[in-house]
């Protein structure tokens, strides 16, 4: 049973370190090229899981679908804190 007084650790198998970063960069560029606001589209996708927030341009939707949303969020959080 879970002990509610202790913090649980979330660990996932590690994929290639830069895979999430590369996917995010490629998807960001594809969204930009199609005239979308990449930040809004990515947030919509990350919150809902709905792939239609991501364009099919340059296989962006297929690329982002290869990774779990938590992997993408982890990369974003790591990037944010590494810049402080």
PDB file of N, CA and C in Angstrom:
ATOM      1  N   UNK A   1       0.831  -1.192   0.000  1.00  0.00           N
ATOM      2  CA  UNK A   1       0.000   0.000   0.000  1.00  0.00           C
ATOM      3  C   UNK A   1       0.868   1.246   0.000  1.00  0.00           C
ATOM      4  N   UNK A   2       0.328   2.308  -0.520  1.00  0.00           N
ATOM      5  CA  UNK A   2       1.052   3.581  -0.559  1.00  0.00           C
ATOM      6  C   UNK A   2       1.017   4.257   0.799  1.00  0.00           C
ATOM      7  N   UNK A   3       2.154   4.737   1.225  1.00  0.00           N
ATOM      8  CA  UNK A   3       2.248   5.517   2.446  1.00  0.00           C
ATOM      9  C   UNK A   3       2.086   6.978   2.060  1.00  0.00           C
ATOM     10  N   UNK A   4       1.009   7.607   2.452  1.00  0.00           N
ATOM     11  CA  UNK A   4       0.696   8.984   2.036  1.00  0.00           C
ATOM     12  C   UNK A   4       1.653  10.001   2.638  1.00  0.00           C
ATOM     13  N   UNK A   5       2.475   9.608   3.603  1.00  0.00           N
ATOM     14  CA  UNK A   5       3.392  10.537   4.240  1.00  0.00           C
ATOM     15  C   UNK A   5       4.733  10.657   3.533  1.00  0.00           C
ATOM     16  N   UNK A   6       4.975   9.848   2.519  1.00  0.00           N
ATOM     17  CA  UNK A   6       6.267   9.857   1.834  1.00  0.00           C
ATOM     18  C   UNK A   6       6.098  10.228   0.372  1.00  0.00           C
ATOM     19  N   UNK A   7       7.084  10.878  -0.168  1.00  0.00           N
ATOM     20  CA  UNK A   7       7.079  11.244  -1.580  1.00  0.00           C
ATOM     21  C   UNK A   7       7.399  10.023  -2.422  1.00  0.00           C
ATOM     22  N   UNK A   8       6.613   9.820  -3.459  1.00  0.00           N
ATOM     23  CA  UNK A   8       6.877   8.728  -4.381  1.00  0.00           C
ATOM     24  C   UNK A   8       7.834   9.207  -5.463  1.00  0.00           C
ATOM     25  N   UNK A   9       8.612   8.297  -5.980  1.00  0.00           N
ATOM     26  CA  UNK A   9       9.545   8.626  -7.047  1.00  0.00           C
ATOM     27  C   UNK A   9       8.987   8.126  -8.368  1.00  0.00           C
ATOM     28  N   UNK A  10       9.124   8.963  -9.377  1.00  0.00           N
ATOM     29  CA  UNK A  10       8.663   8.622 -10.713  1.00  0.00           C
ATOM     30  C   UNK A  10       9.892   8.357 -11.561  1.00  0.00           C
ATOM     31  N   UNK A  11      10.061   7.122 -11.974  1.00  0.00           N
ATOM     32  CA  UNK A  11      11.211   6.769 -12.810  1.00  0.00           C
ATOM     33  C   UNK A  11      10.717   6.054 -14.046  1.00  0.00           C
ATOM     34  N   UNK A  12      11.283   6.425 -15.163  1.00  0.00           N
ATOM     35  CA  UNK A  12      10.955   5.790 -16.428  1.00  0.00           C
ATOM     36  C   UNK A  12      12.240   5.302 -17.066  1.00  0.00           C
ATOM     37  N   UNK A  13      12.132   4.305 -17.915  1.00  0.00           N
ATOM     38  CA  UNK A  13      13.320   3.909 -18.663  1.00  0.00           C
ATOM     39  C   UNK A  13      13.790   5.083 -19.515  1.00  0.00           C
ATOM     40  N   UNK A  14      15.070   5.294 -19.560  1.00  0.00           N
ATOM     41  CA  UNK A  14      15.632   6.432 -20.288  1.00  0.00           C
ATOM     42  C   UNK A  14      15.794   6.073 -21.757  1.00  0.00           C
ATOM     43  N   UNK A  15      15.211   6.896 -22.622  1.00  0.00           N
ATOM     44  CA  UNK A  15      15.422   6.739 -24.057  1.00  0.00           C
ATOM     45  C   UNK A  15      16.637   7.580 -24.422  1.00  0.00           C
ATOM     46  N   UNK A  16      16.943   7.612 -25.693  1.00  0.00           N
ATOM     47  CA  UNK A  16      18.049   8.453 -26.138  1.00  0.00           C
ATOM     48  C   UNK A  16      17.858   9.848 -25.558  1.00  0.00           C
ATOM     49  N   UNK A  17      18.907  10.376 -24.936  1.00  0.00           N
ATOM     50  CA  UNK A  17      18.809  11.621 -24.176  1.00  0.00           C
ATOM     51  C   UNK A  17      18.202  12.776 -24.960  1.00  0.00           C
ATOM     52  N   UNK A  18      18.592  12.967 -26.165  1.00  0.00           N
ATOM     53  CA  UNK A  18      18.151  14.139 -26.904  1.00  0.00           C
ATOM     54  C   UNK A  18      16.940  13.876 -27.801  1.00  0.00           C
ATOM     55  N   UNK A  19      16.380  12.694 -27.729  1.00  0.00           N
ATOM     56  CA  UNK A  19      15.263  12.373 -28.620  1.00  0.00           C
ATOM     57  C   UNK A  19      14.085  13.322 -28.408  1.00  0.00           C
ATOM     58  N   UNK A  20      13.701  13.560 -27.170  1.00  0.00           N
ATOM     59  CA  UNK A  20      12.567  14.457 -26.898  1.00  0.00           C
ATOM     60  C   UNK A  20      12.881  15.872 -27.366  1.00  0.00           C
ATOM     61  N   UNK A  21      14.095  16.316 -27.134  1.00  0.00           N
ATOM     62  CA  UNK A  21      14.484  17.657 -27.555  1.00  0.00           C
ATOM     63  C   UNK A  21      14.419  17.795 -29.072  1.00  0.00           C
ATOM     64  N   UNK A  22      14.950  16.800 -29.773  1.00  0.00           N
ATOM     65  CA  UNK A  22      14.937  16.840 -31.234  1.00  0.00           C
ATOM     66  C   UNK A  22      13.513  16.842 -31.774  1.00  0.00           C
ATOM     67  N   UNK A  23      12.659  16.025 -31.197  1.00  0.00           N
ATOM     68  CA  UNK A  23      11.266  15.972 -31.637  1.00  0.00           C
ATOM     69  C   UNK A  23      10.592  17.309 -31.388  1.00  0.00           C
ATOM     70  N   UNK A  24      10.777  17.877 -30.201  1.00  0.00           N
ATOM     71  CA  UNK A  24      10.169  19.172 -29.897  1.00  0.00           C
ATOM     72  C   UNK A  24      10.647  20.259 -30.849  1.00  0.00           C
ATOM     73  N   UNK A  25      11.936  20.265 -31.165  1.00  0.00           N
ATOM     74  CA  UNK A  25      12.470  21.271 -32.086  1.00  0.00           C
ATOM     75  C   UNK A  25      11.878  21.121 -33.476  1.00  0.00           C
ATOM     76  N   UNK A  26      11.782  19.887 -33.958  1.00  0.00           N
ATOM     77  CA  UNK A  26      11.245  19.655 -35.299  1.00  0.00           C
ATOM     78  C   UNK A  26       9.759  19.999 -35.371  1.00  0.00           C
ATOM     79  N   UNK A  27       9.016  19.608 -34.347  1.00  0.00           N
ATOM     80  CA  UNK A  27       7.587  19.902 -34.317  1.00  0.00           C
ATOM     81  C   UNK A  27       7.365  21.407 -34.213  1.00  0.00           C
ATOM     82  N   UNK A  28       8.147  22.077 -33.391  1.00  0.00           N
ATOM     83  CA  UNK A  28       8.054  23.527 -33.236  1.00  0.00           C
ATOM     84  C   UNK A  28       8.253  24.222 -34.587  1.00  0.00           C
ATOM     85  N   UNK A  29       9.280  23.818 -35.305  1.00  0.00           N
ATOM     86  CA  UNK A  29       9.557  24.424 -36.615  1.00  0.00           C
ATOM     87  C   UNK A  29       8.442  24.149 -37.618  1.00  0.00           C
ATOM     88  N   UNK A  30       7.911  22.932 -37.623  1.00  0.00           N
ATOM     89  CA  UNK A  30       6.822  22.592 -38.545  1.00  0.00           C
ATOM     90  C   UNK A  30       5.586  23.436 -38.255  1.00  0.00           C
ATOM     91  N   UNK A  31       5.282  23.615 -36.969  1.00  0.00           N
ATOM     92  CA  UNK A  31       4.130  24.445 -36.600  1.00  0.00           C
ATOM     93  C   UNK A  31       4.345  25.890 -37.037  1.00  0.00           C
ATOM     94  N   UNK A  32       5.556  26.385 -36.820  1.00  0.00           N
ATOM     95  CA  UNK A  32       5.885  27.752 -37.214  1.00  0.00           C
ATOM     96  C   UNK A  32       5.760  27.928 -38.729  1.00  0.00           C
ATOM     97  N   UNK A  33       6.289  26.976 -39.479  1.00  0.00           N
ATOM     98  CA  UNK A  33       6.234  27.045 -40.941  1.00  0.00           C
ATOM     99  C   UNK A  33       4.797  27.099 -41.455  1.00  0.00           C
ATOM    100  N   UNK A  34       3.892  26.430 -40.756  1.00  0.00           N
ATOM    101  CA  UNK A  34       2.491  26.408 -41.186  1.00  0.00           C
ATOM    102  C   UNK A  34       1.702  27.596 -40.658  1.00  0.00           C
ATOM    103  N   UNK A  35       2.366  28.478 -39.902  1.00  0.00           N
ATOM    104  CA  UNK A  35       1.708  29.693 -39.437  1.00  0.00           C
ATOM    105  C   UNK A  35       0.984  29.577 -38.106  1.00  0.00           C
ATOM    106  N   UNK A  36       1.192  28.481 -37.407  1.00  0.00           N
ATOM    107  CA  UNK A  36       0.572  28.306 -36.097  1.00  0.00           C
ATOM    108  C   UNK A  36       1.464  28.905 -35.015  1.00  0.00           C
ATOM    109  N   UNK A  37       0.877  29.173 -33.854  1.00  0.00           N
ATOM    110  CA  UNK A  37       1.652  29.564 -32.688  1.00  0.00           C
ATOM    111  C   UNK A  37       2.102  28.261 -32.026  1.00  0.00           C
ATOM    112  N   UNK A  38       3.383  27.903 -32.158  1.00  0.00           N
ATOM    113  CA  UNK A  38       3.858  26.615 -31.652  1.00  0.00           C
ATOM    114  C   UNK A  38       3.615  26.411 -30.156  1.00  0.00           C
ATOM    115  N   UNK A  39       3.742  27.472 -29.381  1.00  0.00           N
ATOM    116  CA  UNK A  39       3.542  27.343 -27.937  1.00  0.00           C
ATOM    117  C   UNK A  39       2.099  26.932 -27.638  1.00  0.00           C
ATOM    118  N   UNK A  40       1.140  27.613 -28.228  1.00  0.00           N
ATOM    119  CA  UNK A  40      -0.268  27.294 -27.984  1.00  0.00           C
ATOM    120  C   UNK A  40      -0.603  25.872 -28.443  1.00  0.00           C
ATOM    121  N   UNK A  41      -0.105  25.512 -29.612  1.00  0.00           N
ATOM    122  CA  UNK A  41      -0.403  24.187 -30.157  1.00  0.00           C
ATOM    123  C   UNK A  41       0.195  23.081 -29.298  1.00  0.00           C
ATOM    124  N   UNK A  42       1.440  23.275 -28.867  1.00  0.00           N
ATOM    125  CA  UNK A  42       2.087  22.264 -28.021  1.00  0.00           C
ATOM    126  C   UNK A  42       1.396  22.152 -26.663  1.00  0.00           C
ATOM    127  N   UNK A  43       1.019  23.270 -26.088  1.00  0.00           N
ATOM    128  CA  UNK A  43       0.301  23.229 -24.809  1.00  0.00           C
ATOM    129  C   UNK A  43      -1.027  22.491 -24.982  1.00  0.00           C
ATOM    130  N   UNK A  44      -1.747  22.796 -26.036  1.00  0.00           N
ATOM    131  CA  UNK A  44      -3.007  22.097 -26.305  1.00  0.00           C
ATOM    132  C   UNK A  44      -2.802  20.599 -26.410  1.00  0.00           C
ATOM    133  N   UNK A  45      -1.766  20.203 -27.113  1.00  0.00           N
ATOM    134  CA  UNK A  45      -1.468  18.780 -27.262  1.00  0.00           C
ATOM    135  C   UNK A  45      -1.083  18.146 -25.925  1.00  0.00           C
ATOM    136  N   UNK A  46      -0.215  18.810 -25.186  1.00  0.00           N
ATOM    137  CA  UNK A  46       0.254  18.243 -23.919  1.00  0.00           C
ATOM    138  C   UNK A  46      -0.868  18.119 -22.894  1.00  0.00           C
ATOM    139  N   UNK A  47      -1.783  19.060 -22.885  1.00  0.00           N
ATOM    140  CA  UNK A  47      -2.892  19.007 -21.932  1.00  0.00           C
ATOM    141  C   UNK A  47      -3.922  17.952 -22.339  1.00  0.00           C
ATOM    142  N   UNK A  48      -4.271  17.928 -23.612  1.00  0.00           N
ATOM    143  CA  UNK A  48      -5.372  17.075 -24.059  1.00  0.00           C
ATOM    144  C   UNK A  48      -4.955  15.705 -24.583  1.00  0.00           C
ATOM    145  N   UNK A  49      -3.749  15.631 -25.145  1.00  0.00           N
ATOM    146  CA  UNK A  49      -3.331  14.393 -25.803  1.00  0.00           C
ATOM    147  C   UNK A  49      -3.892  14.262 -27.206  1.00  0.00           C
ATOM    148  N   UNK A  50      -4.602  15.282 -27.665  1.00  0.00           N
ATOM    149  CA  UNK A  50      -5.229  15.253 -28.985  1.00  0.00           C
ATOM    150  C   UNK A  50      -4.188  15.594 -30.053  1.00  0.00           C
ATOM    151  N   UNK A  51      -3.846  14.631 -30.910  1.00  0.00           N
ATOM    152  CA  UNK A  51      -2.808  14.864 -31.917  1.00  0.00           C
ATOM    153  C   UNK A  51      -3.180  15.881 -32.982  1.00  0.00           C
ATOM    154  N   UNK A  52      -4.453  16.255 -33.068  1.00  0.00           N
ATOM    155  CA  UNK A  52      -4.831  17.229 -34.089  1.00  0.00           C
ATOM    156  C   UNK A  52      -4.323  18.633 -33.769  1.00  0.00           C
ATOM    157  N   UNK A  53      -3.794  18.850 -32.578  1.00  0.00           N
ATOM    158  CA  UNK A  53      -3.140  20.123 -32.275  1.00  0.00           C
ATOM    159  C   UNK A  53      -1.819  20.258 -33.024  1.00  0.00           C
ATOM    160  N   UNK A  54      -1.293  19.135 -33.507  1.00  0.00           N
ATOM    161  CA  UNK A  54       0.009  19.122 -34.187  1.00  0.00           C
ATOM    162  C   UNK A  54      -0.213  18.900 -35.675  1.00  0.00           C
ATOM    163  N   UNK A  55       0.419  19.719 -36.484  1.00  0.00           N
ATOM    164  CA  UNK A  55       0.301  19.614 -37.926  1.00  0.00           C
ATOM    165  C   UNK A  55       0.946  18.329 -38.454  1.00  0.00           C
ATOM    166  N   UNK A  56       0.456  17.875 -39.579  1.00  0.00           N
ATOM    167  CA  UNK A  56       1.075  16.739 -40.250  1.00  0.00           C
ATOM    168  C   UNK A  56       2.274  17.162 -41.102  1.00  0.00           C
ATOM    169  N   UNK A  57       2.455  18.469 -41.245  1.00  0.00           N
ATOM    170  CA  UNK A  57       3.552  19.023 -42.046  1.00  0.00           C
ATOM    171  C   UNK A  57       4.894  18.490 -41.542  1.00  0.00           C
ATOM    172  N   UNK A  58       5.731  18.047 -42.470  1.00  0.00           N
ATOM    173  CA  UNK A  58       7.057  17.477 -42.157  1.00  0.00           C
ATOM    174  C   UNK A  58       6.985  16.327 -41.159  1.00  0.00           C
ATOM    175  N   UNK A  59       5.887  15.579 -41.184  1.00  0.00           N
ATOM    176  CA  UNK A  59       5.683  14.424 -40.298  1.00  0.00           C
ATOM    177  C   UNK A  59       5.698  14.780 -38.817  1.00  0.00           C
ATOM    178  N   UNK A  60       5.360  16.023 -38.487  1.00  0.00           N
ATOM    179  CA  UNK A  60       5.410  16.469 -37.091  1.00  0.00           C
ATOM    180  C   UNK A  60       4.484  15.650 -36.195  1.00  0.00           C
ATOM    181  N   UNK A  61       3.281  15.363 -36.664  1.00  0.00           N
ATOM    182  CA  UNK A  61       2.331  14.601 -35.844  1.00  0.00           C
ATOM    183  C   UNK A  61       2.847  13.189 -35.585  1.00  0.00           C
ATOM    184  N   UNK A  62       3.431  12.588 -36.590  1.00  0.00           N
ATOM    185  CA  UNK A  62       3.984  11.239 -36.430  1.00  0.00           C
ATOM    186  C   UNK A  62       5.171  11.257 -35.462  1.00  0.00           C
ATOM    187  N   UNK A  63       6.019  12.268 -35.593  1.00  0.00           N
ATOM    188  CA  UNK A  63       7.181  12.386 -34.708  1.00  0.00           C
ATOM    189  C   UNK A  63       6.776  12.518 -33.249  1.00  0.00           C
ATOM    190  N   UNK A  64       5.848  13.424 -32.984  1.00  0.00           N
ATOM    191  CA  UNK A  64       5.471  13.673 -31.592  1.00  0.00           C
ATOM    192  C   UNK A  64       4.735  12.473 -30.999  1.00  0.00           C
ATOM    193  N   UNK A  65       4.078  11.709 -31.850  1.00  0.00           N
ATOM    194  CA  UNK A  65       3.369  10.517 -31.390  1.00  0.00           C
ATOM    195  C   UNK A  65       4.282   9.383 -30.959  1.00  0.00           C
ATOM    196  N   UNK A  66       5.553   9.467 -31.325  1.00  0.00           N
ATOM    197  CA  UNK A  66       6.515   8.422 -30.931  1.00  0.00           C
ATOM    198  C   UNK A  66       6.873   8.492 -29.458  1.00  0.00           C
ATOM    199  N   UNK A  67       6.654   9.645 -28.850  1.00  0.00           N
ATOM    200  CA  UNK A  67       7.027   9.836 -27.456  1.00  0.00           C
ATOM    201  C   UNK A  67       5.798  10.018 -26.587  1.00  0.00           C
ATOM    202  N   UNK A  68       5.924   9.652 -25.336  1.00  0.00           N
ATOM    203  CA  UNK A  68       4.865   9.892 -24.366  1.00  0.00           C
ATOM    204  C   UNK A  68       4.878  11.371 -23.986  1.00  0.00           C
ATOM    205  N   UNK A  69       3.722  11.891 -23.645  1.00  0.00           N
ATOM    206  CA  UNK A  69       3.654  13.305 -23.269  1.00  0.00           C
ATOM    207  C   UNK A  69       4.513  13.621 -22.048  1.00  0.00           C
ATOM    208  N   UNK A  70       4.614  12.683 -21.112  1.00  0.00           N
ATOM    209  CA  UNK A  70       5.442  12.948 -19.929  1.00  0.00           C
ATOM    210  C   UNK A  70       6.914  13.081 -20.287  1.00  0.00           C
ATOM    211  N   UNK A  71       7.346  12.391 -21.336  1.00  0.00           N
ATOM    212  CA  UNK A  71       8.738  12.535 -21.779  1.00  0.00           C
ATOM    213  C   UNK A  71       8.985  13.936 -22.333  1.00  0.00           C
ATOM    214  N   UNK A  72       8.018  14.452 -23.065  1.00  0.00           N
ATOM    215  CA  UNK A  72       8.136  15.799 -23.620  1.00  0.00           C
ATOM    216  C   UNK A  72       8.134  16.839 -22.506  1.00  0.00           C
ATOM    217  N   UNK A  73       7.232  16.665 -21.547  1.00  0.00           N
ATOM    218  CA  UNK A  73       7.184  17.588 -20.409  1.00  0.00           C
ATOM    219  C   UNK A  73       8.474  17.545 -19.601  1.00  0.00           C
ATOM    220  N   UNK A  74       9.004  16.360 -19.412  1.00  0.00           N
ATOM    221  CA  UNK A  74      10.261  16.223 -18.669  1.00  0.00           C
ATOM    222  C   UNK A  74      11.387  16.999 -19.357  1.00  0.00           C
ATOM    223  N   UNK A  75      11.455  16.886 -20.659  1.00  0.00           N
ATOM    224  CA  UNK A  75      12.482  17.614 -21.405  1.00  0.00           C
ATOM    225  C   UNK A  75      12.280  19.124 -21.268  1.00  0.00           C
ATOM    226  N   UNK A  76      11.051  19.570 -21.335  1.00  0.00           N
ATOM    227  CA  UNK A  76      10.766  20.998 -21.217  1.00  0.00           C
ATOM    228  C   UNK A  76      11.127  21.527 -19.822  1.00  0.00           C
ATOM    229  N   UNK A  77      10.775  20.776 -18.794  1.00  0.00           N
ATOM    230  CA  UNK A  77      11.086  21.204 -17.426  1.00  0.00           C
ATOM    231  C   UNK A  77      12.598  21.210 -17.210  1.00  0.00           C
ATOM    232  N   UNK A  78      13.272  20.165 -17.671  1.00  0.00           N
ATOM    233  CA  UNK A  78      14.734  20.119 -17.537  1.00  0.00           C
ATOM    234  C   UNK A  78      15.386  21.294 -18.250  1.00  0.00           C
ATOM    235  N   UNK A  79      14.909  21.597 -19.434  1.00  0.00           N
ATOM    236  CA  UNK A  79      15.454  22.716 -20.199  1.00  0.00           C
ATOM    237  C   UNK A  79      15.217  24.038 -19.473  1.00  0.00           C
ATOM    238  N   UNK A  80      14.030  24.207 -18.927  1.00  0.00           N
ATOM    239  CA  UNK A  80      13.701  25.436 -18.216  1.00  0.00           C
ATOM    240  C   UNK A  80      14.642  25.649 -17.030  1.00  0.00           C
ATOM    241  N   UNK A  81      14.840  24.617 -16.226  1.00  0.00           N
ATOM    242  CA  UNK A  81      15.658  24.770 -15.032  1.00  0.00           C
ATOM    243  C   UNK A  81      17.150  24.779 -15.325  1.00  0.00           C
ATOM    244  N   UNK A  82      17.558  24.230 -16.445  1.00  0.00           N
ATOM    245  CA  UNK A  82      18.981  24.254 -16.777  1.00  0.00           C
ATOM    246  C   UNK A  82      19.418  25.654 -17.235  1.00  0.00           C
ATOM    247  N   UNK A  83      18.451  26.503 -17.571  1.00  0.00           N
ATOM    248  CA  UNK A  83      18.779  27.853 -18.039  1.00  0.00           C
ATOM    249  C   UNK A  83      18.784  28.870 -16.920  1.00  0.00           C
ATOM    250  N   UNK A  84      18.517  28.451 -15.707  1.00  0.00           N
ATOM    251  CA  UNK A  84      18.506  29.384 -14.564  1.00  0.00           C
ATOM    252  C   UNK A  84      19.876  29.491 -13.949  1.00  0.00           C
TER     253      UNK A  84
END
